[in-house]
Amino acid sequence: MTGQGLRVDAVGRYLPPRVVTAAEMSDLLGVTEDWILKRTGVAERRWVTDETPLDMAVAAVNDVVARSEDGLDGVDLIIYASATPHQLIPDTSALLQRELGLGRTGVKSFSVHTTCLSFFSALDIVAAYMAAGTHRRALVVSAEVGSAGIDITEPESGALLGDMATAVLLSANGESGSELRSLVLKTYGDGADLCRMEAGFAKHPMKTETKPEDYMFHMDGPKVFALAYELFPPIVMEALDRAEVSVSDITLVVPHQASLLAVKAIQRALGVTDEQVILNIDKVGNCVAASLPGALFDAVEEKRIERGDTVLLAGTGAGVSMGAAVLTW
């Protein structure tokens, strides 16, 4: 779904202060620092100390409010787009709404969860609501504590994950020239077992016998990469075709920071230069759903994009889900 006049008003971020280096991860995972850097590209990442997903979400919203002229004025939709809920019930969006002082407003609030592409799903929903004229201003928040699910016996995934929260304010401003020109999001359930975390609710509830590894994140990296290598490029081309643009029209590619190899594969497939791709996985790791809007945050902060530019968002996630979107910034 695309939304005429959909504009990103502001992007905010929260990073936990604790920095975990590749050297520290080397000791934890039993591999060399060089192995980590070559396989993942993550030199350091941030991990929570005592912050909860809700704490981080609120901090990210406070940051985006400080960067927005209108703050939360007129927000009529809150979406918590994340793989990490604060708790199972009630929905994290309701807790966030209350913490923001909006608990008596009745503002529609709910969560979406398509792992690393949860922000994509939220963007798709926001565009549909705004195109229908039912909502005018949305807040999309992703808070991820990937460190909670690290399995130290699986270095390839364990060395990747970091913690981060992002908040994005979106508005239906038809006069600005900003627009979501296309969005393609597809899921290939045949790859559902390639990235998984199985325990925590109905399949392996707490009251039954579980193993610690049931609560850890497991990933078959080579198979995920192979599936993405086969199916992902046509999705990007479909998004470009729908937007009626070519690769040469793209000012900046903002990818989900799955791994350094994944980002470089997107770059090679498109044939774009280093200057045309935002890369921050070396500093923050793979932060699941917060990763892509976190990269967008850096693009704005570094003034890599300005109003009127054409921006390509792209990424993959567990499911296996794959998505690409074209924005006129």
Protein backbone atom coordinates (compact mmCIF):
# COMPACT_ATOMS: atom_id res chain seq x y z
CA MET A 1 0.00 0.00 0.00
CA THR A 2 1.24 3.52 -0.73
CA GLY A 3 0.02 6.75 0.75
CA GLN A 4 -0.09 10.01 -1.15
CA GLY A 5 1.59 12.71 0.91
CA LEU A 6 3.02 10.38 3.59
CA ARG A 7 5.90 12.24 5.21
CA VAL A 8 8.50 11.25 7.79
CA ASP A 9 8.39 14.24 10.15
CA ALA A 10 11.22 13.16 12.47
CA VAL A 11 13.22 10.14 13.64
CA GLY A 12 14.41 9.61 17.22
CA ARG A 13 16.65 7.02 18.83
CA TYR A 14 17.79 5.64 22.15
CA LEU A 15 21.02 3.68 22.57
CA PRO A 16 21.87 2.04 25.90
CA PRO A 17 25.12 3.48 27.28
CA ARG A 18 26.81 0.10 27.73
CA VAL A 19 29.22 -0.59 24.83
CA VAL A 20 30.15 -4.24 24.17
CA THR A 21 33.16 -4.61 21.88
CA ALA A 22 34.09 -7.43 19.55
CA ALA A 23 36.94 -8.23 21.93
CA GLU A 24 34.48 -8.71 24.79
CA MET A 25 32.22 -10.84 22.56
CA SER A 26 35.25 -12.91 21.58
CA ASP A 27 35.71 -13.99 25.18
CA LEU A 28 31.99 -14.68 25.61
CA LEU A 29 31.50 -16.67 22.40
CA GLY A 30 34.83 -18.50 22.27
CA VAL A 31 35.85 -17.18 18.84
CA THR A 32 38.49 -14.67 17.80
CA GLU A 33 37.84 -10.97 17.44
CA ASP A 34 38.96 -11.23 13.81
CA TRP A 35 36.37 -13.98 13.20
CA ILE A 36 33.61 -11.71 14.53
CA LEU A 37 34.67 -8.75 12.42
CA LYS A 38 34.95 -10.79 9.22
CA ARG A 39 31.72 -12.76 9.66
CA THR A 40 29.46 -10.01 11.02
CA GLY A 41 31.23 -6.66 10.65
CA VAL A 42 30.14 -5.70 14.19
CA ALA A 43 32.99 -3.96 16.00
CA GLU A 44 30.75 -2.92 18.88
CA ARG A 45 27.13 -2.99 19.92
CA ARG A 46 25.03 -1.57 22.77
CA TRP A 47 23.45 -3.73 25.44
CA VAL A 48 20.97 -2.81 28.13
CA THR A 49 21.94 -2.93 31.79
CA ASP A 50 18.61 -2.49 33.58
CA GLU A 51 16.58 -0.81 30.81
CA THR A 52 13.36 -2.51 29.74
CA PRO A 53 11.85 -2.30 26.24
CA LEU A 54 9.31 0.18 27.63
CA ASP A 55 12.05 2.33 29.15
CA MET A 56 13.84 2.44 25.82
CA ALA A 57 10.66 3.11 23.88
CA VAL A 58 9.83 6.13 26.04
CA ALA A 59 13.38 7.46 25.71
CA ALA A 60 13.21 7.15 21.91
CA VAL A 61 9.86 8.98 21.84
CA ASN A 62 11.28 11.76 24.01
CA ASP A 63 14.10 12.08 21.50
CA VAL A 64 11.81 12.27 18.47
CA VAL A 65 9.61 14.83 20.22
CA ALA A 66 12.68 17.01 20.77
CA ARG A 67 13.43 16.78 17.04
CA SER A 68 9.89 17.50 15.82
CA GLU A 69 8.24 20.90 15.52
CA ASP A 70 4.85 19.52 16.56
CA GLY A 71 5.88 16.83 19.03
CA LEU A 72 3.00 14.45 19.71
CA ASP A 73 0.32 17.00 18.84
CA GLY A 74 -2.32 15.43 16.62
CA VAL A 75 -1.00 11.86 16.90
CA ASP A 76 -4.01 9.61 16.33
CA LEU A 77 -2.22 6.28 15.90
CA ILE A 78 0.53 4.54 17.88
CA ILE A 79 2.13 1.37 16.56
CA TYR A 80 4.70 -0.60 18.53
CA ALA A 81 6.65 -2.37 15.77
CA SER A 82 9.00 -4.81 17.44
CA ALA A 83 9.95 -8.40 18.11
CA THR A 84 10.54 -7.56 21.79
CA PRO A 85 7.40 -6.84 23.81
CA HIS A 86 7.73 -5.34 27.26
CA GLN A 87 5.43 -8.11 28.53
CA LEU A 88 2.97 -10.44 26.87
CA ILE A 89 -0.27 -8.83 28.10
CA PRO A 90 -1.33 -6.06 27.82
CA ASP A 91 0.07 -5.05 24.49
CA THR A 92 3.19 -2.88 24.79
CA SER A 93 1.56 -0.10 22.78
CA ALA A 94 -1.01 0.40 25.58
CA LEU A 95 1.75 0.62 28.17
CA LEU A 96 3.64 3.07 25.97
CA GLN A 97 0.51 5.18 25.41
CA ARG A 98 0.05 5.45 29.17
CA GLU A 99 3.71 6.34 29.79
CA LEU A 100 3.45 9.13 27.23
CA GLY A 101 0.58 10.70 29.15
CA LEU A 102 -2.01 9.68 26.55
CA GLY A 103 -3.69 6.96 28.56
CA ARG A 104 -7.09 8.70 28.62
CA THR A 105 -7.13 9.87 25.01
CA GLY A 106 -8.38 6.70 23.31
CA VAL A 107 -5.70 7.00 20.60
CA LYS A 108 -5.68 3.77 18.60
CA SER A 109 -2.62 1.75 19.73
CA PHE A 110 -1.47 -1.73 18.76
CA SER A 111 1.61 -3.78 17.90
CA VAL A 112 2.88 -5.39 14.72
CA HIS A 113 5.52 -8.09 14.69
CA THR A 114 7.32 -9.21 11.55
CA THR A 115 10.68 -9.42 13.36
CA CYS A 116 13.31 -7.31 11.58
CA LEU A 117 10.72 -5.92 9.15
CA SER A 118 8.18 -4.81 11.77
CA PHE A 119 8.84 -1.17 10.82
CA PHE A 120 7.99 -2.08 7.20
CA SER A 121 4.69 -3.58 8.29
CA ALA A 122 3.88 -0.54 10.39
CA LEU A 123 4.72 1.77 7.49
CA ASP A 124 2.41 -0.22 5.24
CA ILE A 125 -0.46 0.05 7.75
CA VAL A 126 0.09 3.76 8.34
CA ALA A 127 0.08 4.41 4.59
CA ALA A 128 -3.21 2.55 4.19
CA TYR A 129 -4.88 4.45 7.03
CA MET A 130 -3.64 7.79 5.73
CA ALA A 131 -4.66 7.01 2.16
CA ALA A 132 -8.14 6.16 3.48
CA GLY A 133 -8.26 9.45 5.36
CA THR A 134 -8.94 7.82 8.74
CA HIS A 135 -5.69 8.94 10.39
CA ARG A 136 -3.46 11.97 9.97
CA ARG A 137 -0.46 11.52 12.25
CA ALA A 138 1.23 8.34 13.49
CA LEU A 139 3.95 7.37 15.93
CA VAL A 140 5.84 4.16 15.15
CA VAL A 141 8.14 2.86 17.90
CA SER A 142 10.54 -0.09 17.85
CA ALA A 143 12.39 -1.11 21.01
CA GLU A 144 14.57 -4.19 20.78
CA VAL A 145 16.55 -6.06 23.43
CA GLY A 146 18.27 -8.56 21.17
CA SER A 147 20.88 -9.27 23.83
CA ALA A 148 18.26 -11.11 25.90
CA GLY A 149 18.05 -13.92 23.35
CA ILE A 150 21.71 -14.50 22.52
CA ASP A 151 22.84 -18.13 22.47
CA ILE A 152 26.57 -18.17 23.20
CA THR A 153 26.85 -21.61 21.57
CA GLU A 154 25.92 -20.04 18.21
CA PRO A 155 28.58 -17.36 17.59
CA GLU A 156 27.32 -16.38 14.13
CA SER A 157 24.02 -15.05 15.49
CA GLY A 158 25.33 -14.26 18.96
CA ALA A 159 27.93 -11.83 17.62
CA LEU A 160 25.32 -9.88 15.64
CA LEU A 161 22.68 -8.66 18.05
CA GLY A 162 22.50 -5.29 19.75
CA ASP A 163 19.91 -3.25 21.65
CA MET A 164 18.26 -0.04 20.44
CA ALA A 165 14.98 1.83 20.34
CA THR A 166 13.68 4.14 17.62
CA ALA A 167 10.65 6.38 17.23
CA VAL A 168 9.34 7.76 13.93
CA LEU A 169 6.66 10.42 13.49
CA LEU A 170 4.71 10.19 10.22
CA SER A 171 2.08 12.55 8.85
CA ALA A 172 -0.31 12.78 5.92
CA ASN A 173 1.01 16.03 4.50
CA GLY A 174 -0.06 16.20 0.88
CA GLU A 175 1.50 19.60 0.26
CA SER A 176 5.05 18.71 1.24
CA GLY A 177 5.92 16.61 -1.82
CA SER A 178 7.00 13.76 0.46
CA GLU A 179 5.47 10.42 -0.45
CA LEU A 180 5.67 6.67 0.06
CA ARG A 181 5.85 5.79 -3.62
CA SER A 182 5.90 2.00 -3.26
CA LEU A 183 6.19 -0.73 -0.67
CA VAL A 184 6.61 -4.44 -1.36
CA LEU A 185 6.59 -6.88 1.56
CA LYS A 186 6.54 -10.65 1.01
CA THR A 187 6.85 -13.66 3.30
CA TYR A 188 8.18 -17.10 2.37
CA GLY A 189 7.07 -19.46 5.13
CA ASP A 190 9.16 -22.34 3.76
CA GLY A 191 12.06 -20.60 5.52
CA ALA A 192 10.24 -20.22 8.84
CA ASP A 193 12.59 -22.54 10.73
CA LEU A 194 15.74 -20.71 9.62
CA CYS A 195 15.35 -17.97 12.27
CA ARG A 196 13.44 -18.91 15.39
CA MET A 197 12.88 -18.50 19.12
CA GLU A 198 10.37 -21.10 20.22
CA ALA A 199 9.56 -20.83 23.92
CA GLY A 200 7.60 -18.30 25.93
CA PHE A 201 3.94 -18.98 25.21
CA ALA A 202 1.68 -21.72 23.82
CA LYS A 203 4.23 -24.01 22.19
CA HIS A 204 6.56 -24.11 25.20
CA PRO A 205 4.75 -22.34 28.06
CA MET A 206 6.62 -21.62 31.27
CA LYS A 207 4.55 -24.20 33.21
CA THR A 208 5.88 -27.05 31.07
CA GLU A 209 9.38 -28.46 30.96
CA THR A 210 11.59 -26.28 28.78
CA LYS A 211 15.30 -26.03 28.06
CA PRO A 212 17.26 -22.76 28.28
CA GLU A 213 18.00 -22.92 24.56
CA ASP A 214 14.24 -22.83 23.84
CA TYR A 215 14.34 -19.17 24.87
CA MET A 216 17.35 -18.31 22.72
CA PHE A 217 17.53 -17.01 19.18
CA HIS A 218 18.64 -19.57 16.58
CA MET A 219 19.58 -18.77 13.00
CA ASP A 220 20.88 -20.74 10.05
CA GLY A 221 22.78 -17.84 8.52
CA PRO A 222 24.00 -19.51 5.31
CA LYS A 223 20.53 -20.77 4.39
CA VAL A 224 18.91 -17.39 5.12
CA PHE A 225 21.54 -15.69 2.97
CA ALA A 226 21.00 -18.19 0.15
CA LEU A 227 17.22 -17.72 0.22
CA ALA A 228 17.57 -13.94 0.25
CA TYR A 229 20.12 -14.05 -2.57
CA GLU A 230 17.57 -15.92 -4.69
CA LEU A 231 14.34 -14.09 -3.84
CA PHE A 232 15.26 -10.62 -2.61
CA PRO A 233 16.55 -8.83 -5.77
CA PRO A 234 13.23 -9.20 -7.66
CA ILE A 235 11.42 -7.64 -4.70
CA VAL A 236 13.67 -4.59 -4.84
CA MET A 237 13.16 -4.32 -8.59
CA GLU A 238 9.38 -4.59 -8.10
CA ALA A 239 9.45 -1.72 -5.61
CA LEU A 240 11.49 0.41 -8.03
CA ASP A 241 9.15 -0.43 -10.91
CA ARG A 242 6.03 0.41 -8.90
CA ALA A 243 7.58 3.75 -7.95
CA GLU A 244 8.57 4.32 -11.57
CA VAL A 245 12.20 5.01 -10.68
CA SER A 246 15.51 3.36 -11.55
CA VAL A 247 18.55 2.65 -9.41
CA SER A 248 20.20 5.79 -10.79
CA ASP A 249 17.37 7.87 -9.26
CA ILE A 250 18.10 6.62 -5.72
CA THR A 251 19.86 9.15 -3.49
CA LEU A 252 20.44 6.75 -0.61
CA VAL A 253 19.83 3.09 0.19
CA VAL A 254 18.83 2.50 3.81
CA PRO A 255 19.03 -1.25 4.49
CA HIS A 256 18.19 -3.33 7.53
CA GLN A 257 21.57 -3.96 9.12
CA ALA A 258 21.29 -7.76 9.11
CA SER A 259 25.05 -8.27 8.78
CA LEU A 260 27.88 -6.62 6.91
CA LEU A 261 27.71 -9.37 4.28
CA ALA A 262 23.95 -8.81 3.83
CA VAL A 263 24.34 -5.05 3.40
CA LYS A 264 27.18 -5.51 0.94
CA ALA A 265 25.09 -8.05 -1.01
CA ILE A 266 22.29 -5.46 -1.39
CA GLN A 267 24.89 -2.93 -2.50
CA ARG A 268 26.33 -5.28 -5.12
CA ALA A 269 22.89 -6.28 -6.41
CA LEU A 270 21.99 -2.63 -6.98
CA GLY A 271 25.41 -1.60 -8.22
CA VAL A 272 25.61 1.45 -5.93
CA THR A 273 28.64 3.01 -4.26
CA ASP A 274 29.52 3.09 -0.56
CA GLU A 275 28.38 6.72 -0.48
CA GLN A 276 24.90 5.65 -1.59
CA VAL A 277 24.40 3.18 1.28
CA ILE A 278 24.05 3.94 4.98
CA LEU A 279 25.97 1.47 7.14
CA ASN A 280 26.00 1.45 10.94
CA ILE A 281 26.15 -2.25 11.84
CA ASP A 282 29.80 -1.84 12.78
CA LYS A 283 28.78 0.52 15.63
CA VAL A 284 25.46 -0.91 16.84
CA GLY A 285 25.04 -4.43 15.46
CA ASN A 286 21.80 -5.93 14.21
CA CYS A 287 19.05 -4.33 16.31
CA VAL A 288 16.16 -6.31 14.82
CA ALA A 289 13.16 -4.05 14.00
CA ALA A 290 14.94 -0.93 15.32
CA SER A 291 17.79 -1.54 12.88
CA LEU A 292 16.31 -0.02 9.73
CA PRO A 293 14.79 3.11 11.34
CA GLY A 294 18.05 3.36 13.32
CA ALA A 295 19.96 3.52 10.04
CA LEU A 296 17.44 6.09 8.83
CA PHE A 297 18.19 8.11 11.97
CA ASP A 298 21.89 8.15 11.07
CA ALA A 299 21.09 9.16 7.50
CA VAL A 300 19.17 12.19 8.78
CA GLU A 301 21.77 13.09 11.41
CA GLU A 302 24.62 12.86 8.91
CA LYS A 303 22.60 14.93 6.41
CA ARG A 304 22.85 12.17 3.83
CA ILE A 305 19.27 12.90 2.69
CA GLU A 306 17.17 16.04 2.31
CA ARG A 307 13.61 16.81 1.31
CA GLY A 308 12.88 15.75 -2.25
CA ASP A 309 15.49 12.97 -2.32
CA THR A 310 14.54 9.44 -3.37
CA VAL A 311 15.28 6.89 -0.65
CA LEU A 312 15.18 3.09 -0.90
CA LEU A 313 14.45 1.10 2.26
CA ALA A 314 15.24 -2.62 2.02
CA GLY A 315 15.68 -5.64 4.24
CA THR A 316 14.93 -9.21 5.27
CA GLY A 317 13.69 -10.79 8.47
CA ALA A 318 12.59 -14.04 10.05
CA GLY A 319 9.56 -15.61 8.46
CA VAL A 320 11.37 -15.40 6.06
CA SER A 321 10.09 -11.91 5.16
CA MET A 322 11.61 -9.57 2.59
CA GLY A 323 10.72 -5.98 1.82
CA ALA A 324 11.61 -2.87 -0.14
CA ALA A 325 10.07 0.59 -0.21
CA VAL A 326 10.70 3.81 -2.13
CA LEU A 327 10.20 7.15 -0.41
CA THR A 328 10.34 10.67 -1.69
CA TRP A 329 11.86 12.23 1.39
